[in-house]
Amino acid sequence: MITNAAAKYLWDVQRAAERIARFTAGRTLDDYLADEMLSAAVERQFEIIGEALVGLRRIAPEAAAMVPDLPQIVAFRNVLIHAYGDVDSKEVWGTIQDDLPGLRDAVADLLRSGPSP
């Protein structure tokens, strides 16, 4: 069972992931590389995802353990925030295409097992 506090963090992850999907729908890697506002918006949402998962891990480690690749997601957030000069836009785009759908599914499953915030 997911607590209200844990659900809040999961809802934040879900909203940020939905925004990324909406921002990038119908777009290509070339669009992403050419549009600095798009890339900044996407990176900000990934930062929110990572920060929310840090909070989830702190208050509900058992729920956090059910999020696939959580350590890699947090590490990705750390690069975006602390090593922003080293961000590889192609890697970000690959994360959107390859990893975001699975994260969205995992978070949706966890939210179904708990309360709404």
Protein backbone atom coordinates (compact mmCIF):
# COMPACT_ATOMS: atom_id res chain seq x y z
CA MET A 1 0.00 0.00 0.00
CA ILE A 2 1.29 3.43 -0.95
CA THR A 3 0.94 6.17 1.67
CA ASN A 4 -0.39 9.65 0.91
CA ALA A 5 3.12 11.12 1.19
CA ALA A 6 4.56 8.52 -1.20
CA ALA A 7 1.65 9.04 -3.60
CA LYS A 8 2.45 12.77 -3.72
CA TYR A 9 5.95 12.04 -4.99
CA LEU A 10 4.64 9.48 -7.47
CA TRP A 11 2.07 11.96 -8.78
CA ASP A 12 4.89 14.48 -9.29
CA VAL A 13 6.82 11.88 -11.29
CA GLN A 14 3.74 11.02 -13.32
CA ARG A 15 2.92 14.66 -14.11
CA ALA A 16 6.50 15.43 -15.16
CA ALA A 17 6.67 12.30 -17.32
CA GLU A 18 3.36 13.20 -18.96
CA ARG A 19 4.67 16.70 -19.68
CA ILE A 20 7.79 15.27 -21.34
CA ALA A 21 5.63 12.98 -23.46
CA ARG A 22 3.36 15.88 -24.42
CA PHE A 23 6.26 18.25 -25.15
CA THR A 24 7.97 15.74 -27.42
CA ALA A 25 4.94 14.17 -29.14
CA GLY A 26 5.38 14.30 -32.90
CA ARG A 27 8.89 15.71 -32.53
CA THR A 28 12.16 14.22 -33.76
CA LEU A 29 15.68 14.23 -32.42
CA ASP A 30 16.51 16.99 -34.90
CA ASP A 31 13.59 19.06 -33.55
CA TYR A 32 14.86 18.50 -30.04
CA LEU A 33 18.42 19.49 -30.92
CA ALA A 34 17.25 22.64 -32.71
CA ASP A 35 14.80 23.87 -30.05
CA GLU A 36 16.54 25.11 -26.91
CA MET A 37 13.23 25.91 -25.21
CA LEU A 38 12.05 22.32 -25.76
CA SER A 39 15.28 20.84 -24.44
CA ALA A 40 15.25 23.15 -21.41
CA ALA A 41 11.64 22.23 -20.63
CA VAL A 42 12.32 18.51 -20.96
CA GLU A 43 15.45 18.68 -18.82
CA ARG A 44 13.51 20.54 -16.11
CA GLN A 45 10.88 17.81 -16.04
CA PHE A 46 13.59 15.14 -15.73
CA GLU A 47 15.03 17.13 -12.81
CA ILE A 48 11.60 17.04 -11.14
CA ILE A 49 11.34 13.30 -11.72
CA GLY A 50 14.74 12.69 -10.16
CA GLU A 51 14.07 14.95 -7.18
CA ALA A 52 10.68 13.36 -6.53
CA LEU A 53 12.27 9.92 -6.58
CA VAL A 54 14.92 11.06 -4.10
CA GLY A 55 12.08 12.12 -1.81
CA LEU A 56 10.23 8.85 -2.37
CA ARG A 57 13.34 6.84 -1.57
CA ARG A 58 13.75 8.81 1.67
CA ILE A 59 10.19 8.37 2.98
CA ALA A 60 9.12 5.08 1.38
CA PRO A 61 12.11 2.96 0.42
CA GLU A 62 9.89 -0.08 -0.18
CA ALA A 63 7.89 1.83 -2.81
CA ALA A 64 11.03 3.35 -4.30
CA ALA A 65 12.48 -0.14 -4.71
CA MET A 66 9.61 -0.89 -7.10
CA VAL A 67 10.65 1.88 -9.49
CA PRO A 68 12.87 0.35 -12.18
CA ASP A 69 16.30 1.92 -12.55
CA LEU A 70 15.75 4.41 -9.72
CA PRO A 71 19.49 4.85 -9.02
CA GLN A 72 20.14 5.62 -12.69
CA ILE A 73 17.25 8.09 -12.79
CA VAL A 74 18.62 9.94 -9.75
CA ALA A 75 22.12 9.91 -11.27
CA PHE A 76 20.67 11.36 -14.50
CA ARG A 77 19.03 14.13 -12.46
CA ASN A 78 22.37 14.84 -10.79
CA VAL A 79 24.08 15.24 -14.15
CA LEU A 80 21.34 17.58 -15.36
CA ILE A 81 21.68 19.77 -12.27
CA HIS A 82 25.35 19.57 -11.32
CA ALA A 83 27.13 18.70 -14.57
CA TYR A 84 24.84 20.56 -16.95
CA GLY A 85 27.75 21.30 -19.26
CA ASP A 86 28.18 17.59 -19.86
CA VAL A 87 24.56 16.85 -20.81
CA ASP A 88 24.36 14.90 -24.05
CA SER A 89 21.13 15.90 -25.80
CA LYS A 90 21.12 12.68 -27.80
CA GLU A 91 21.24 10.72 -24.53
CA VAL A 92 18.33 12.76 -23.18
CA TRP A 93 16.35 12.03 -26.34
CA GLY A 94 17.20 8.33 -26.06
CA THR A 95 15.97 8.35 -22.47
CA ILE A 96 12.68 9.85 -23.62
CA GLN A 97 12.26 7.21 -26.30
CA ASP A 98 13.61 4.15 -24.48
CA ASP A 99 13.10 4.63 -20.74
CA LEU A 100 10.26 7.06 -20.11
CA PRO A 101 7.44 4.71 -21.20
CA GLY A 102 8.54 2.05 -18.70
CA LEU A 103 8.83 4.60 -15.91
CA ARG A 104 5.34 5.89 -16.69
CA ASP A 105 3.94 2.35 -16.55
CA ALA A 106 5.70 1.53 -13.27
CA VAL A 107 4.50 4.74 -11.60
CA ALA A 108 0.94 4.18 -12.83
CA ASP A 109 1.00 0.67 -11.34
CA LEU A 110 2.24 2.00 -8.00
CA LEU A 111 -0.38 4.75 -7.95
CA ARG A 112 -3.14 2.22 -8.56
CA SER A 113 -2.14 0.54 -5.30
CA GLY A 114 -2.49 3.69 -3.18
CA PRO A 115 -4.49 6.80 -2.43
CA SER A 116 -4.81 9.93 -4.53
CA PRO A 117 -2.92 12.95 -3.20
